[in-house]
Amino acid sequence: MPGTVTMYSTTWCGYCRRLKGQLDREGIAYTEINIEQDAASAAFVEKANGGNQTVPTVVVVAPTGVDVTMTNPSLAQVKQALGA
């Protein structure tokens, strides 16, 4: 069973666009959530980032079931969290 990737982002975030492009090129599926349109997700991002709405915030659930939350991760970090 493959892991899952959830990316919390905004429409204007250049780092988010870059990471999405990299994930797309690598064929890594992800779910994107715009924190400007979802207050609960914005609150999650704030909690994960010391009160800041820093994006991209990425949650990877590895095939082993372990959750890894990362702020502005590199493609390599996402792949490592997935166990790829």
C-alpha atoms as a PDB file:
ATOM      1  CA  MET A   1       0.000   0.000   0.000  1.00  0.00           C
ATOM      2  CA  PRO A   2       1.544   3.344  -1.011  1.00  0.00           C
ATOM      3  CA  GLY A   3       1.754   6.274   1.368  1.00  0.00           C
ATOM      4  CA  THR A   4      -0.270   9.444   1.017  1.00  0.00           C
ATOM      5  CA  VAL A   5       0.798  13.054   0.644  1.00  0.00           C
ATOM      6  CA  THR A   6      -1.318  16.040   1.655  1.00  0.00           C
ATOM      7  CA  MET A   7      -0.055  19.515   0.805  1.00  0.00           C
ATOM      8  CA  TYR A   8      -1.470  22.573   2.531  1.00  0.00           C
ATOM      9  CA  SER A   9      -0.919  25.562   0.253  1.00  0.00           C
ATOM     10  CA  THR A  10      -2.175  28.882  -1.086  1.00  0.00           C
ATOM     11  CA  THR A  11      -2.737  29.984  -4.672  1.00  0.00           C
ATOM     12  CA  TRP A  12       0.022  32.611  -4.513  1.00  0.00           C
ATOM     13  CA  CYS A  13       2.787  30.467  -2.955  1.00  0.00           C
ATOM     14  CA  GLY A  14       5.755  30.014  -5.292  1.00  0.00           C
ATOM     15  CA  TYR A  15       7.283  27.293  -3.107  1.00  0.00           C
ATOM     16  CA  CYS A  16       3.992  25.394  -3.321  1.00  0.00           C
ATOM     17  CA  ARG A  17       3.941  25.649  -7.129  1.00  0.00           C
ATOM     18  CA  ARG A  18       7.527  24.419  -7.309  1.00  0.00           C
ATOM     19  CA  LEU A  19       6.899  21.400  -5.079  1.00  0.00           C
ATOM     20  CA  LYS A  20       3.668  20.527  -6.913  1.00  0.00           C
ATOM     21  CA  GLY A  21       5.552  20.558 -10.218  1.00  0.00           C
ATOM     22  CA  GLN A  22       8.253  18.313  -8.807  1.00  0.00           C
ATOM     23  CA  LEU A  23       5.715  15.861  -7.384  1.00  0.00           C
ATOM     24  CA  ASP A  24       3.852  15.828 -10.699  1.00  0.00           C
ATOM     25  CA  ARG A  25       7.065  15.105 -12.645  1.00  0.00           C
ATOM     26  CA  GLU A  26       7.899  12.244 -10.268  1.00  0.00           C
ATOM     27  CA  GLY A  27       4.383  10.809 -10.512  1.00  0.00           C
ATOM     28  CA  ILE A  28       3.767  11.230  -6.785  1.00  0.00           C
ATOM     29  CA  ALA A  29       0.064  11.710  -6.101  1.00  0.00           C
ATOM     30  CA  TYR A  30      -0.974  14.287  -3.529  1.00  0.00           C
ATOM     31  CA  THR A  31      -4.035  15.999  -2.182  1.00  0.00           C
ATOM     32  CA  GLU A  32      -3.843  19.785  -2.122  1.00  0.00           C
ATOM     33  CA  ILE A  33      -5.750  21.862   0.408  1.00  0.00           C
ATOM     34  CA  ASN A  34      -5.899  25.641   0.054  1.00  0.00           C
ATOM     35  CA  ILE A  35      -5.709  27.066   3.577  1.00  0.00           C
ATOM     36  CA  GLU A  36      -7.290  30.323   2.395  1.00  0.00           C
ATOM     37  CA  GLN A  37     -10.508  28.415   1.703  1.00  0.00           C
ATOM     38  CA  ASP A  38     -10.503  26.065   4.703  1.00  0.00           C
ATOM     39  CA  ALA A  39     -10.297  27.541   8.202  1.00  0.00           C
ATOM     40  CA  ALA A  40      -9.704  24.173   9.887  1.00  0.00           C
ATOM     41  CA  SER A  41      -6.737  23.503   7.607  1.00  0.00           C
ATOM     42  CA  ALA A  42      -5.360  26.986   8.243  1.00  0.00           C
ATOM     43  CA  ALA A  43      -5.567  26.267  11.978  1.00  0.00           C
ATOM     44  CA  PHE A  44      -3.739  22.950  11.469  1.00  0.00           C
ATOM     45  CA  VAL A  45      -0.953  24.715   9.552  1.00  0.00           C
ATOM     46  CA  GLU A  46      -0.663  27.357  12.273  1.00  0.00           C
ATOM     47  CA  LYS A  47      -0.407  24.685  14.959  1.00  0.00           C
ATOM     48  CA  ALA A  48       2.246  22.797  12.996  1.00  0.00           C
ATOM     49  CA  ASN A  49       4.289  25.961  12.439  1.00  0.00           C
ATOM     50  CA  GLY A  50       4.346  27.754  15.782  1.00  0.00           C
ATOM     51  CA  GLY A  51       1.389  30.019  15.004  1.00  0.00           C
ATOM     52  CA  ASN A  52       2.459  30.859  11.433  1.00  0.00           C
ATOM     53  CA  GLN A  53       0.571  30.008   8.255  1.00  0.00           C
ATOM     54  CA  THR A  54       3.708  28.721   6.528  1.00  0.00           C
ATOM     55  CA  VAL A  55       3.151  26.849   3.276  1.00  0.00           C
ATOM     56  CA  PRO A  56       3.724  24.432   1.837  1.00  0.00           C
ATOM     57  CA  THR A  57       3.100  22.337   4.899  1.00  0.00           C
ATOM     58  CA  VAL A  58       3.115  18.692   3.857  1.00  0.00           C
ATOM     59  CA  VAL A  59       1.819  15.672   5.744  1.00  0.00           C
ATOM     60  CA  VAL A  60       3.056  12.300   4.559  1.00  0.00           C
ATOM     61  CA  VAL A  61       1.500   9.119   5.867  1.00  0.00           C
ATOM     62  CA  ALA A  62       4.055   6.441   5.077  1.00  0.00           C
ATOM     63  CA  PRO A  63       3.018   2.911   4.149  1.00  0.00           C
ATOM     64  CA  THR A  64       3.959   1.948   7.711  1.00  0.00           C
ATOM     65  CA  GLY A  65       1.266   4.320   9.012  1.00  0.00           C
ATOM     66  CA  VAL A  66       3.706   6.870  10.436  1.00  0.00           C
ATOM     67  CA  ASP A  67       2.687  10.527   9.940  1.00  0.00           C
ATOM     68  CA  VAL A  68       5.436  13.005   9.055  1.00  0.00           C
ATOM     69  CA  THR A  69       4.645  16.729   8.968  1.00  0.00           C
ATOM     70  CA  MET A  70       7.136  18.948   7.126  1.00  0.00           C
ATOM     71  CA  THR A  71       7.319  22.654   6.341  1.00  0.00           C
ATOM     72  CA  ASN A  72       8.558  23.625   2.882  1.00  0.00           C
ATOM     73  CA  PRO A  73      10.140  20.211   2.282  1.00  0.00           C
ATOM     74  CA  SER A  74      12.303  19.307  -0.659  1.00  0.00           C
ATOM     75  CA  LEU A  75      11.221  16.600  -3.087  1.00  0.00           C
ATOM     76  CA  ALA A  76      13.913  14.370  -1.576  1.00  0.00           C
ATOM     77  CA  GLN A  77      12.419  14.825   1.907  1.00  0.00           C
ATOM     78  CA  VAL A  78       8.949  13.896   0.676  1.00  0.00           C
ATOM     79  CA  LYS A  79      10.292  10.825  -1.098  1.00  0.00           C
ATOM     80  CA  GLN A  80      12.239   9.808   2.005  1.00  0.00           C
ATOM     81  CA  ALA A  81       9.126  10.152   4.186  1.00  0.00           C
ATOM     82  CA  LEU A  82       7.242   7.962   1.701  1.00  0.00           C
ATOM     83  CA  GLY A  83       9.995   5.376   1.933  1.00  0.00           C
ATOM     84  CA  ALA A  84      10.789   5.782  -1.781  1.00  0.00           C
END
